[in-house]
């Protein structure tokens, strides 16, 4: 990905709209106090939500292209170490955060898929969460948070008339938990295995 008149991302890091229109706003070139480490910084604005994205690229002298090295905020991505089914549910939840009830239900499906991947296949999600805690796959605090996500999803799945509809903040909280659970169960163990292999 290179600096240009617009920034090409799959999703806006702020509002998650697909294929956002992100035209460039401003650019500046910088270097350190010894005139080394030249970089080109550029801001881009999402035309859907108005959020601003900052991108930086190294800009060595004479370089025609500037490959972007980093973007802030970084687009939310699910790590490849997360098993395919759980990753698909979590990616769909992230993509549908603008439809919070659906995002919450997808997040609960991601949690369920992660626990099944760890061999916890019997019974309900309620029982799988408790079994994961009893087997010390997750902490008691993580189990309590998982039950909150499960209950929120149940309220939406069963169209509970007493329950409030979730907002984007509720969906983001559920996604935050599922992302943390994925890190704990799959991403960190994969990093440890790679580190030990070296």
N, C-alpha and C. Protein backbone atom coordinates (compact mmCIF):
# COMPACT_ATOMS: atom_id res chain seq x y z
N UNK A 1 0.85 -1.17 0.00
CA UNK A 1 0.00 0.00 0.00
C UNK A 1 0.90 1.24 0.00
N UNK A 2 0.55 2.19 -0.86
CA UNK A 2 1.37 3.39 -1.01
C UNK A 2 0.55 4.64 -0.71
N UNK A 3 1.28 5.73 -0.37
CA UNK A 3 0.62 7.02 -0.25
C UNK A 3 0.06 7.41 -1.62
N UNK A 4 -1.07 8.05 -1.63
CA UNK A 4 -1.67 8.52 -2.87
C UNK A 4 -2.72 9.56 -2.58
N UNK A 5 -3.53 9.86 -3.59
CA UNK A 5 -4.61 10.83 -3.42
C UNK A 5 -5.64 10.33 -2.41
N UNK A 6 -5.73 9.00 -2.31
CA UNK A 6 -6.63 8.40 -1.31
C UNK A 6 -5.96 7.16 -0.75
N UNK A 7 -6.44 6.72 0.41
CA UNK A 7 -5.90 5.54 1.08
C UNK A 7 -6.85 4.38 0.82
N UNK A 8 -6.31 3.26 0.37
CA UNK A 8 -7.14 2.10 0.07
C UNK A 8 -7.07 1.10 1.21
N UNK A 9 -8.16 1.00 1.94
CA UNK A 9 -8.30 0.03 3.02
C UNK A 9 -9.55 -0.79 2.79
N UNK A 10 -9.55 -2.01 3.32
CA UNK A 10 -10.76 -2.84 3.23
C UNK A 10 -11.89 -2.27 4.06
N UNK A 11 -11.53 -1.72 5.25
CA UNK A 11 -12.54 -1.16 6.15
C UNK A 11 -11.97 0.06 6.85
N UNK A 12 -12.85 1.01 7.17
CA UNK A 12 -12.44 2.18 7.94
C UNK A 12 -12.12 1.74 9.37
N UNK A 13 -10.97 2.13 9.92
CA UNK A 13 -10.65 1.74 11.30
C UNK A 13 -11.58 2.35 12.34
N UNK A 14 -12.34 3.38 11.97
CA UNK A 14 -13.24 4.03 12.92
C UNK A 14 -14.65 3.45 12.86
N UNK A 15 -15.23 3.40 11.66
CA UNK A 15 -16.65 3.01 11.53
C UNK A 15 -16.85 1.63 10.91
N UNK A 16 -15.77 1.01 10.44
CA UNK A 16 -15.81 -0.33 9.84
C UNK A 16 -16.58 -0.41 8.53
N UNK A 17 -16.89 0.73 7.89
CA UNK A 17 -17.57 0.67 6.61
C UNK A 17 -16.63 -0.01 5.61
N UNK A 18 -17.20 -0.86 4.74
CA UNK A 18 -16.40 -1.57 3.75
C UNK A 18 -15.97 -0.63 2.63
N UNK A 19 -14.75 -0.83 2.14
CA UNK A 19 -14.19 -0.05 1.03
C UNK A 19 -14.43 1.45 1.24
N UNK A 20 -13.91 2.02 2.33
CA UNK A 20 -14.19 3.42 2.63
C UNK A 20 -13.55 4.38 1.62
N UNK A 21 -14.19 5.52 1.43
CA UNK A 21 -13.63 6.60 0.62
C UNK A 21 -12.77 7.43 1.58
N UNK A 22 -11.44 7.33 1.43
CA UNK A 22 -10.49 7.98 2.33
C UNK A 22 -9.57 8.91 1.54
N UNK A 23 -10.07 10.08 1.13
CA UNK A 23 -9.20 11.01 0.41
C UNK A 23 -8.16 11.64 1.34
N UNK A 24 -7.00 12.01 0.75
CA UNK A 24 -5.94 12.64 1.52
C UNK A 24 -6.31 14.05 1.95
N UNK A 25 -5.86 14.43 3.14
CA UNK A 25 -6.09 15.77 3.66
C UNK A 25 -4.81 16.61 3.61
N UNK A 26 -3.81 16.15 4.36
CA UNK A 26 -2.55 16.89 4.47
C UNK A 26 -1.38 15.93 4.50
N UNK A 27 -0.22 16.42 4.11
CA UNK A 27 0.99 15.62 4.17
C UNK A 27 2.15 16.46 4.66
N UNK A 28 3.11 15.83 5.30
CA UNK A 28 4.30 16.52 5.77
C UNK A 28 5.47 15.53 5.75
N UNK A 29 6.66 16.04 5.46
CA UNK A 29 7.86 15.22 5.51
C UNK A 29 8.68 15.62 6.73
N UNK A 30 9.23 14.63 7.41
CA UNK A 30 10.02 14.89 8.61
C UNK A 30 11.32 14.10 8.58
N UNK A 31 12.22 14.43 9.49
CA UNK A 31 13.46 13.70 9.70
C UNK A 31 13.89 13.96 11.13
N UNK A 32 14.93 13.24 11.57
CA UNK A 32 15.40 13.46 12.95
C UNK A 32 16.38 14.63 13.00
N UNK A 33 16.97 14.84 14.17
CA UNK A 33 17.84 16.01 14.35
C UNK A 33 19.16 15.93 13.57
N UNK A 34 19.47 14.75 13.00
CA UNK A 34 20.68 14.59 12.19
C UNK A 34 20.33 14.46 10.70
N UNK A 35 19.11 14.85 10.38
CA UNK A 35 18.61 14.79 8.99
C UNK A 35 18.62 13.35 8.46
N UNK A 36 18.35 12.42 9.35
CA UNK A 36 18.22 11.02 8.98
C UNK A 36 16.78 10.58 9.25
N UNK A 37 16.47 9.35 8.87
CA UNK A 37 15.13 8.77 9.08
C UNK A 37 14.04 9.64 8.45
N UNK A 38 14.18 9.95 7.14
CA UNK A 38 13.14 10.75 6.50
C UNK A 38 11.84 9.95 6.37
N UNK A 39 10.74 10.62 6.66
CA UNK A 39 9.43 9.97 6.59
C UNK A 39 8.40 10.93 6.00
N UNK A 40 7.42 10.36 5.34
CA UNK A 40 6.30 11.13 4.83
C UNK A 40 5.06 10.72 5.62
N UNK A 41 4.41 11.71 6.21
CA UNK A 41 3.20 11.50 6.99
C UNK A 41 2.04 12.10 6.21
N UNK A 42 0.90 11.39 6.22
CA UNK A 42 -0.26 11.91 5.50
C UNK A 42 -1.52 11.53 6.25
N UNK A 43 -2.46 12.46 6.29
CA UNK A 43 -3.76 12.18 6.92
C UNK A 43 -4.82 11.97 5.85
N UNK A 44 -5.76 11.10 6.16
CA UNK A 44 -6.86 10.77 5.26
C UNK A 44 -8.15 10.81 6.07
N UNK A 45 -9.23 11.27 5.45
CA UNK A 45 -10.51 11.38 6.16
C UNK A 45 -11.54 10.44 5.55
N UNK A 46 -12.20 9.65 6.42
CA UNK A 46 -13.29 8.79 5.97
C UNK A 46 -14.50 9.67 5.67
N UNK A 47 -15.01 9.57 4.45
CA UNK A 47 -16.16 10.38 4.06
C UNK A 47 -17.46 9.88 4.69
N UNK A 48 -17.45 8.66 5.23
CA UNK A 48 -18.65 8.13 5.87
C UNK A 48 -18.79 8.64 7.30
N UNK A 49 -17.73 8.50 8.10
CA UNK A 49 -17.84 8.86 9.53
C UNK A 49 -17.07 10.12 9.90
N UNK A 50 -16.19 10.59 9.02
CA UNK A 50 -15.40 11.77 9.33
C UNK A 50 -14.14 11.49 10.11
N UNK A 51 -13.90 10.23 10.47
CA UNK A 51 -12.69 9.87 11.21
C UNK A 51 -11.45 10.10 10.37
N UNK A 52 -10.35 10.41 11.04
CA UNK A 52 -9.09 10.68 10.36
C UNK A 52 -8.11 9.53 10.62
N UNK A 53 -7.42 9.13 9.55
CA UNK A 53 -6.42 8.08 9.62
C UNK A 53 -5.07 8.70 9.28
N UNK A 54 -4.05 8.36 10.07
CA UNK A 54 -2.69 8.86 9.84
C UNK A 54 -1.86 7.70 9.31
N UNK A 55 -1.13 7.95 8.21
CA UNK A 55 -0.26 6.93 7.62
C UNK A 55 1.14 7.49 7.47
N UNK A 56 2.15 6.64 7.69
CA UNK A 56 3.54 7.07 7.56
C UNK A 56 4.28 6.10 6.66
N UNK A 57 5.17 6.67 5.86
CA UNK A 57 6.02 5.87 4.96
C UNK A 57 7.44 6.41 5.03
N UNK A 58 8.44 5.52 5.01
CA UNK A 58 9.81 6.00 4.91
C UNK A 58 9.99 6.69 3.56
N UNK A 59 10.78 7.74 3.51
CA UNK A 59 10.95 8.44 2.23
C UNK A 59 12.43 8.69 1.95
N UNK A 60 13.15 7.60 1.60
CA UNK A 60 14.56 7.79 1.27
C UNK A 60 14.71 8.67 0.03
N UNK A 61 15.82 9.40 -0.05
CA UNK A 61 16.05 10.31 -1.17
C UNK A 61 15.99 9.56 -2.48
N UNK A 62 15.29 10.14 -3.41
CA UNK A 62 15.21 9.56 -4.75
C UNK A 62 14.19 8.45 -4.89
N UNK A 63 13.52 8.07 -3.80
CA UNK A 63 12.54 6.98 -3.89
C UNK A 63 11.27 7.49 -4.56
N UNK A 64 10.86 6.78 -5.60
CA UNK A 64 9.66 7.19 -6.32
C UNK A 64 8.40 6.75 -5.59
N UNK A 65 8.44 5.55 -5.02
CA UNK A 65 7.25 5.05 -4.33
C UNK A 65 7.46 5.09 -2.83
N UNK A 66 6.38 5.25 -2.13
CA UNK A 66 6.43 5.30 -0.67
C UNK A 66 5.47 4.27 -0.11
N UNK A 67 6.01 3.12 0.23
CA UNK A 67 5.18 2.07 0.82
C UNK A 67 4.86 2.43 2.26
N UNK A 68 3.58 2.46 2.57
CA UNK A 68 3.14 2.82 3.92
C UNK A 68 3.59 1.76 4.90
N UNK A 69 4.24 2.21 5.98
CA UNK A 69 4.77 1.30 6.99
C UNK A 69 3.80 1.09 8.15
N UNK A 70 3.00 2.12 8.47
CA UNK A 70 2.11 2.01 9.63
C UNK A 70 0.93 2.96 9.47
N UNK A 71 -0.18 2.54 10.05
CA UNK A 71 -1.43 3.32 10.00
C UNK A 71 -1.98 3.43 11.42
N UNK A 72 -2.50 4.63 11.76
CA UNK A 72 -3.14 4.85 13.07
C UNK A 72 -4.52 5.44 12.85
N UNK A 73 -5.58 4.99 13.47
CA UNK A 73 -5.60 3.71 14.19
C UNK A 73 -5.49 2.56 13.20
N UNK A 74 -4.91 1.48 13.65
CA UNK A 74 -4.75 0.31 12.79
C UNK A 74 -6.12 -0.33 12.57
N UNK A 75 -6.40 -0.77 11.35
CA UNK A 75 -7.66 -1.49 11.11
C UNK A 75 -7.70 -2.75 12.00
N UNK A 76 -8.86 -3.04 12.54
CA UNK A 76 -9.00 -4.20 13.43
C UNK A 76 -8.97 -5.47 12.60
N UNK A 77 -8.05 -6.37 12.95
CA UNK A 77 -7.92 -7.64 12.24
C UNK A 77 -7.87 -8.77 13.24
N UNK A 78 -8.32 -9.94 12.80
CA UNK A 78 -8.28 -11.13 13.64
C UNK A 78 -7.04 -11.91 13.24
N UNK A 79 -6.23 -12.27 14.23
CA UNK A 79 -4.97 -12.95 13.99
C UNK A 79 -5.19 -14.29 13.30
N UNK A 80 -4.26 -14.64 12.42
CA UNK A 80 -4.33 -15.90 11.68
C UNK A 80 -4.21 -17.13 12.57
N UNK A 81 -3.70 -16.96 13.80
CA UNK A 81 -3.58 -18.10 14.71
C UNK A 81 -4.94 -18.56 15.24
N UNK A 82 -5.96 -17.71 15.09
CA UNK A 82 -7.31 -18.08 15.55
C UNK A 82 -7.90 -19.06 14.54
N UNK A 83 -8.45 -20.19 15.00
CA UNK A 83 -9.01 -21.18 14.08
C UNK A 83 -10.05 -20.57 13.13
N UNK A 84 -10.13 -21.13 11.93
CA UNK A 84 -10.90 -20.54 10.83
C UNK A 84 -12.35 -20.22 11.18
N UNK A 85 -13.05 -21.13 11.81
CA UNK A 85 -14.48 -20.90 12.09
C UNK A 85 -14.65 -19.76 13.10
N UNK A 86 -13.88 -19.79 14.18
CA UNK A 86 -13.96 -18.72 15.17
C UNK A 86 -13.53 -17.40 14.55
N UNK A 87 -12.49 -17.43 13.73
CA UNK A 87 -12.01 -16.21 13.07
C UNK A 87 -13.08 -15.63 12.16
N UNK A 88 -13.77 -16.49 11.42
CA UNK A 88 -14.84 -16.01 10.52
C UNK A 88 -15.96 -15.34 11.31
N UNK A 89 -16.39 -15.95 12.42
CA UNK A 89 -17.45 -15.34 13.24
C UNK A 89 -16.99 -13.99 13.79
N UNK A 90 -15.75 -13.94 14.28
CA UNK A 90 -15.25 -12.69 14.88
C UNK A 90 -15.07 -11.61 13.82
N UNK A 91 -14.57 -11.97 12.65
CA UNK A 91 -14.44 -10.99 11.56
C UNK A 91 -15.80 -10.43 11.15
N UNK A 92 -16.81 -11.31 11.10
CA UNK A 92 -18.16 -10.86 10.76
C UNK A 92 -18.73 -9.96 11.84
N UNK A 93 -18.43 -10.26 13.10
CA UNK A 93 -18.90 -9.40 14.20
C UNK A 93 -18.28 -8.02 14.08
N UNK A 94 -16.99 -7.96 13.82
CA UNK A 94 -16.29 -6.68 13.66
C UNK A 94 -16.89 -5.90 12.49
N UNK A 95 -17.16 -6.60 11.39
CA UNK A 95 -17.69 -5.95 10.20
C UNK A 95 -19.12 -5.45 10.39
N UNK A 96 -19.84 -6.03 11.34
CA UNK A 96 -21.25 -5.67 11.52
C UNK A 96 -21.51 -4.92 12.82
N UNK A 97 -20.48 -4.26 13.36
CA UNK A 97 -20.66 -3.55 14.63
C UNK A 97 -21.73 -2.46 14.51
N UNK A 98 -21.98 -1.99 13.28
CA UNK A 98 -23.03 -0.99 13.06
C UNK A 98 -24.43 -1.60 13.24
N UNK A 99 -24.51 -2.94 13.27
CA UNK A 99 -25.75 -3.66 13.56
C UNK A 99 -25.50 -4.42 14.86
N UNK A 100 -25.55 -3.73 16.01
CA UNK A 100 -25.05 -4.28 17.27
C UNK A 100 -25.66 -5.61 17.72
N UNK A 101 -26.96 -5.80 17.52
CA UNK A 101 -27.58 -7.05 17.96
C UNK A 101 -26.96 -8.23 17.21
N UNK A 102 -26.78 -8.07 15.92
CA UNK A 102 -26.15 -9.12 15.12
C UNK A 102 -24.70 -9.33 15.51
N UNK A 103 -23.98 -8.23 15.77
CA UNK A 103 -22.57 -8.33 16.15
C UNK A 103 -22.42 -9.08 17.47
N UNK A 104 -23.31 -8.83 18.42
CA UNK A 104 -23.25 -9.51 19.71
C UNK A 104 -23.48 -11.01 19.53
N UNK A 105 -24.46 -11.38 18.71
CA UNK A 105 -24.73 -12.80 18.48
C UNK A 105 -23.56 -13.48 17.77
N UNK A 106 -22.96 -12.79 16.79
CA UNK A 106 -21.80 -13.35 16.10
C UNK A 106 -20.61 -13.51 17.06
N UNK A 107 -20.46 -12.57 17.97
CA UNK A 107 -19.38 -12.66 18.94
C UNK A 107 -19.56 -13.88 19.84
N UNK A 108 -20.78 -14.12 20.29
CA UNK A 108 -21.04 -15.31 21.11
C UNK A 108 -20.74 -16.58 20.31
N UNK A 109 -21.05 -16.57 19.02
CA UNK A 109 -20.72 -17.72 18.17
C UNK A 109 -19.21 -17.90 18.07
N UNK A 110 -18.46 -16.80 18.01
CA UNK A 110 -17.00 -16.88 17.97
C UNK A 110 -16.46 -17.50 19.26
N UNK A 111 -17.01 -17.07 20.40
CA UNK A 111 -16.60 -17.62 21.70
C UNK A 111 -16.90 -19.12 21.73
N UNK A 112 -18.08 -19.50 21.29
CA UNK A 112 -18.47 -20.91 21.28
C UNK A 112 -17.53 -21.72 20.39
N UNK A 113 -17.22 -21.20 19.21
CA UNK A 113 -16.32 -21.90 18.29
C UNK A 113 -14.92 -22.06 18.88
N UNK A 114 -14.45 -21.06 19.62
CA UNK A 114 -13.12 -21.16 20.25
C UNK A 114 -13.10 -22.26 21.30
N UNK A 115 -14.15 -22.31 22.12
CA UNK A 115 -14.20 -23.33 23.16
C UNK A 115 -14.33 -24.73 22.56
N UNK A 116 -15.11 -24.85 21.49
CA UNK A 116 -15.22 -26.15 20.82
C UNK A 116 -13.87 -26.57 20.23
N UNK A 117 -13.12 -25.61 19.72
CA UNK A 117 -11.80 -25.90 19.17
C UNK A 117 -10.86 -26.44 20.25
N UNK A 118 -11.11 -26.06 21.50
CA UNK A 118 -10.31 -26.55 22.62
C UNK A 118 -10.85 -27.87 23.18
N UNK A 119 -11.80 -28.48 22.46
CA UNK A 119 -12.30 -29.79 22.84
C UNK A 119 -13.53 -29.77 23.72
N UNK A 120 -14.07 -28.59 24.01
CA UNK A 120 -15.25 -28.48 24.87
C UNK A 120 -16.50 -28.46 23.98
N UNK A 121 -17.02 -29.65 23.67
CA UNK A 121 -18.12 -29.75 22.70
C UNK A 121 -19.43 -30.19 23.30
N UNK A 122 -19.43 -30.65 24.54
CA UNK A 122 -20.66 -31.17 25.15
C UNK A 122 -21.49 -30.06 25.75
N UNK A 123 -22.80 -30.24 25.70
CA UNK A 123 -23.72 -29.33 26.38
C UNK A 123 -23.88 -27.99 25.69
N UNK A 124 -24.28 -27.02 26.49
CA UNK A 124 -24.56 -25.68 26.01
C UNK A 124 -23.32 -24.79 26.14
N UNK A 125 -23.41 -23.59 25.60
CA UNK A 125 -22.32 -22.63 25.76
C UNK A 125 -22.10 -22.34 27.24
N UNK A 126 -23.17 -22.26 28.01
CA UNK A 126 -23.07 -22.05 29.46
C UNK A 126 -22.15 -23.11 30.08
N UNK A 127 -22.40 -24.37 29.74
CA UNK A 127 -21.61 -25.46 30.32
C UNK A 127 -20.18 -25.44 29.79
N UNK A 128 -20.00 -25.06 28.53
CA UNK A 128 -18.64 -24.99 27.97
C UNK A 128 -17.81 -23.91 28.65
N UNK A 129 -18.43 -22.78 28.94
CA UNK A 129 -17.71 -21.70 29.63
C UNK A 129 -17.29 -22.17 31.03
N UNK A 130 -18.22 -22.79 31.75
CA UNK A 130 -17.89 -23.28 33.09
C UNK A 130 -16.82 -24.37 33.04
N UNK A 131 -16.89 -25.23 32.03
CA UNK A 131 -15.88 -26.29 31.89
C UNK A 131 -14.51 -25.69 31.58
N UNK A 132 -14.47 -24.66 30.75
CA UNK A 132 -13.20 -24.00 30.43
C UNK A 132 -12.58 -23.40 31.68
N UNK A 133 -13.41 -22.83 32.54
CA UNK A 133 -12.92 -22.26 33.79
C UNK A 133 -12.45 -23.36 34.73
N UNK A 134 -13.22 -24.44 34.84
CA UNK A 134 -12.86 -25.55 35.72
C UNK A 134 -11.55 -26.22 35.29
N UNK A 135 -11.31 -26.26 33.97
CA UNK A 135 -10.08 -26.86 33.45
C UNK A 135 -8.92 -25.86 33.39
N UNK A 136 -9.17 -24.65 33.87
CA UNK A 136 -8.16 -23.58 33.90
C UNK A 136 -7.68 -23.17 32.51
N UNK A 137 -8.56 -23.35 31.50
CA UNK A 137 -8.26 -22.81 30.17
C UNK A 137 -8.43 -21.30 30.18
N UNK A 138 -9.38 -20.83 31.01
CA UNK A 138 -9.62 -19.40 31.19
C UNK A 138 -9.74 -19.12 32.68
N UNK A 139 -9.56 -17.87 33.04
CA UNK A 139 -9.67 -17.48 34.45
C UNK A 139 -11.15 -17.35 34.83
N UNK A 140 -11.41 -17.28 36.12
CA UNK A 140 -12.78 -17.10 36.60
C UNK A 140 -13.35 -15.77 36.11
N UNK A 141 -12.49 -14.74 36.05
CA UNK A 141 -12.94 -13.44 35.56
C UNK A 141 -13.31 -13.50 34.08
N UNK A 142 -12.52 -14.24 33.30
CA UNK A 142 -12.83 -14.39 31.88
C UNK A 142 -14.14 -15.17 31.71
N UNK A 143 -14.35 -16.15 32.54
CA UNK A 143 -15.60 -16.92 32.48
C UNK A 143 -16.79 -16.01 32.78
N UNK A 144 -16.65 -15.13 33.77
CA UNK A 144 -17.75 -14.21 34.10
C UNK A 144 -18.04 -13.29 32.93
N UNK A 145 -16.99 -12.80 32.26
CA UNK A 145 -17.18 -11.92 31.10
C UNK A 145 -17.81 -12.70 29.94
N UNK A 146 -17.37 -13.95 29.76
CA UNK A 146 -17.94 -14.79 28.71
C UNK A 146 -19.44 -15.01 28.96
N UNK A 147 -19.82 -15.19 30.21
CA UNK A 147 -21.24 -15.36 30.53
C UNK A 147 -22.03 -14.07 30.22
N UNK A 148 -21.41 -12.91 30.44
CA UNK A 148 -22.08 -11.65 30.08
C UNK A 148 -22.35 -11.59 28.58
N UNK A 149 -21.36 -11.96 27.79
CA UNK A 149 -21.52 -11.97 26.33
C UNK A 149 -22.60 -12.98 25.93
N UNK A 150 -22.57 -14.16 26.56
CA UNK A 150 -23.56 -15.20 26.26
C UNK A 150 -24.97 -14.72 26.58
N UNK A 151 -25.14 -14.09 27.75
CA UNK A 151 -26.47 -13.62 28.14
C UNK A 151 -26.97 -12.51 27.22
N UNK A 152 -26.07 -11.60 26.84
CA UNK A 152 -26.45 -10.52 25.90
C UNK A 152 -26.90 -11.11 24.57
N UNK A 153 -26.17 -12.12 24.09
CA UNK A 153 -26.54 -12.77 22.83
C UNK A 153 -27.87 -13.50 22.97
N UNK A 154 -28.08 -14.15 24.11
CA UNK A 154 -29.34 -14.86 24.33
C UNK A 154 -30.52 -13.89 24.30
N UNK A 155 -30.34 -12.72 24.92
CA UNK A 155 -31.42 -11.73 24.91
C UNK A 155 -31.81 -11.37 23.49
N UNK A 156 -30.82 -11.26 22.61
CA UNK A 156 -31.11 -10.89 21.21
C UNK A 156 -31.67 -12.07 20.43
N UNK A 157 -31.09 -13.26 20.62
CA UNK A 157 -31.56 -14.45 19.89
C UNK A 157 -33.02 -14.77 20.23
N UNK A 158 -33.38 -14.58 21.50
CA UNK A 158 -34.73 -14.92 21.94
C UNK A 158 -35.68 -13.73 21.91
N UNK A 159 -35.19 -12.60 21.39
CA UNK A 159 -35.99 -11.36 21.30
C UNK A 159 -36.68 -11.06 22.63
N UNK A 160 -35.89 -11.13 23.69
CA UNK A 160 -36.41 -10.88 25.04
C UNK A 160 -36.97 -9.46 25.11
N UNK A 161 -38.29 -9.36 25.37
CA UNK A 161 -38.96 -8.06 25.39
C UNK A 161 -38.52 -7.20 26.57
N UNK A 162 -37.98 -7.81 27.59
CA UNK A 162 -37.53 -7.07 28.78
C UNK A 162 -36.13 -6.49 28.60
N UNK A 163 -35.39 -7.05 27.66
CA UNK A 163 -33.99 -6.63 27.48
C UNK A 163 -33.88 -5.46 26.52
N UNK A 164 -32.98 -4.54 26.83
CA UNK A 164 -32.71 -3.42 25.93
C UNK A 164 -31.93 -3.92 24.73
N UNK A 165 -32.14 -3.27 23.60
CA UNK A 165 -31.32 -3.58 22.43
C UNK A 165 -29.91 -3.07 22.68
N UNK A 166 -28.89 -3.83 22.27
CA UNK A 166 -27.52 -3.36 22.49
C UNK A 166 -27.18 -2.22 21.55
N UNK A 167 -26.25 -1.37 21.98
CA UNK A 167 -25.72 -0.32 21.14
C UNK A 167 -24.34 -0.72 20.63
N UNK A 168 -23.72 0.17 19.87
CA UNK A 168 -22.39 -0.12 19.35
C UNK A 168 -21.38 -0.32 20.47
N UNK A 169 -21.54 0.40 21.57
CA UNK A 169 -20.62 0.24 22.71
C UNK A 169 -20.72 -1.18 23.27
N UNK A 170 -21.95 -1.73 23.33
CA UNK A 170 -22.13 -3.10 23.82
C UNK A 170 -21.49 -4.09 22.86
N UNK A 171 -21.68 -3.86 21.56
CA UNK A 171 -21.09 -4.74 20.56
C UNK A 171 -19.56 -4.69 20.64
N UNK A 172 -19.02 -3.49 20.79
CA UNK A 172 -17.56 -3.36 20.88
C UNK A 172 -17.01 -4.03 22.14
N UNK A 173 -17.78 -3.96 23.23
CA UNK A 173 -17.35 -4.62 24.47
C UNK A 173 -17.31 -6.14 24.28
N UNK A 174 -18.32 -6.69 23.61
CA UNK A 174 -18.36 -8.12 23.34
C UNK A 174 -17.20 -8.53 22.43
N UNK A 175 -16.95 -7.72 21.40
CA UNK A 175 -15.85 -8.00 20.47
C UNK A 175 -14.51 -7.92 21.20
N UNK A 176 -14.39 -6.95 22.10
CA UNK A 176 -13.15 -6.81 22.88
C UNK A 176 -12.89 -8.08 23.68
N UNK A 177 -13.95 -8.64 24.29
CA UNK A 177 -13.77 -9.87 25.05
C UNK A 177 -13.35 -11.01 24.14
N UNK A 178 -14.05 -11.20 23.02
CA UNK A 178 -13.74 -12.31 22.12
C UNK A 178 -12.31 -12.19 21.59
N UNK A 179 -11.89 -10.97 21.32
CA UNK A 179 -10.52 -10.75 20.85
C UNK A 179 -9.52 -11.12 21.94
N UNK A 180 -9.80 -10.72 23.17
CA UNK A 180 -8.92 -11.06 24.30
C UNK A 180 -8.88 -12.58 24.51
N UNK A 181 -10.03 -13.23 24.39
CA UNK A 181 -10.09 -14.69 24.55
C UNK A 181 -9.27 -15.36 23.45
N UNK A 182 -9.38 -14.87 22.22
CA UNK A 182 -8.60 -15.43 21.11
C UNK A 182 -7.10 -15.27 21.36
N UNK A 183 -6.71 -14.10 21.89
CA UNK A 183 -5.30 -13.88 22.22
C UNK A 183 -4.84 -14.89 23.26
N UNK A 184 -5.65 -15.07 24.28
CA UNK A 184 -5.30 -15.94 25.40
C UNK A 184 -5.23 -17.41 24.99
N UNK A 185 -6.22 -17.87 24.21
CA UNK A 185 -6.30 -19.28 23.87
C UNK A 185 -5.44 -19.69 22.68
N UNK A 186 -5.24 -18.77 21.71
CA UNK A 186 -4.59 -19.18 20.47
C UNK A 186 -3.37 -18.35 20.08
N UNK A 187 -3.48 -17.02 20.15
CA UNK A 187 -2.42 -16.16 19.62
C UNK A 187 -1.16 -16.23 20.49
N UNK A 188 -1.30 -16.06 21.81
CA UNK A 188 -0.13 -16.12 22.68
C UNK A 188 0.53 -17.50 22.68
N UNK A 189 -0.24 -18.59 22.76
CA UNK A 189 0.41 -19.91 22.67
C UNK A 189 1.16 -20.11 21.34
N UNK A 190 0.61 -19.58 20.25
CA UNK A 190 1.30 -19.70 18.96
C UNK A 190 2.61 -18.91 18.96
N UNK A 191 2.60 -17.72 19.58
CA UNK A 191 3.83 -16.92 19.68
C UNK A 191 4.87 -17.63 20.54
N UNK A 192 4.43 -18.20 21.64
CA UNK A 192 5.34 -18.92 22.52
C UNK A 192 5.96 -20.10 21.76
N UNK A 193 5.14 -20.83 21.03
CA UNK A 193 5.64 -21.99 20.26
C UNK A 193 6.66 -21.54 19.22
N UNK A 194 6.38 -20.41 18.54
CA UNK A 194 7.34 -19.90 17.54
C UNK A 194 8.64 -19.47 18.22
N UNK A 195 8.51 -18.79 19.37
CA UNK A 195 9.69 -18.33 20.10
C UNK A 195 10.55 -19.49 20.59
N UNK A 196 9.92 -20.51 21.07
CA UNK A 196 10.68 -21.67 21.57
C UNK A 196 11.32 -22.44 20.44
N UNK A 197 10.68 -22.42 19.26
CA UNK A 197 11.23 -23.13 18.11
C UNK A 197 12.52 -22.49 17.62
N UNK A 198 12.64 -21.18 17.86
CA UNK A 198 13.86 -20.48 17.45
C UNK A 198 15.01 -20.85 18.36
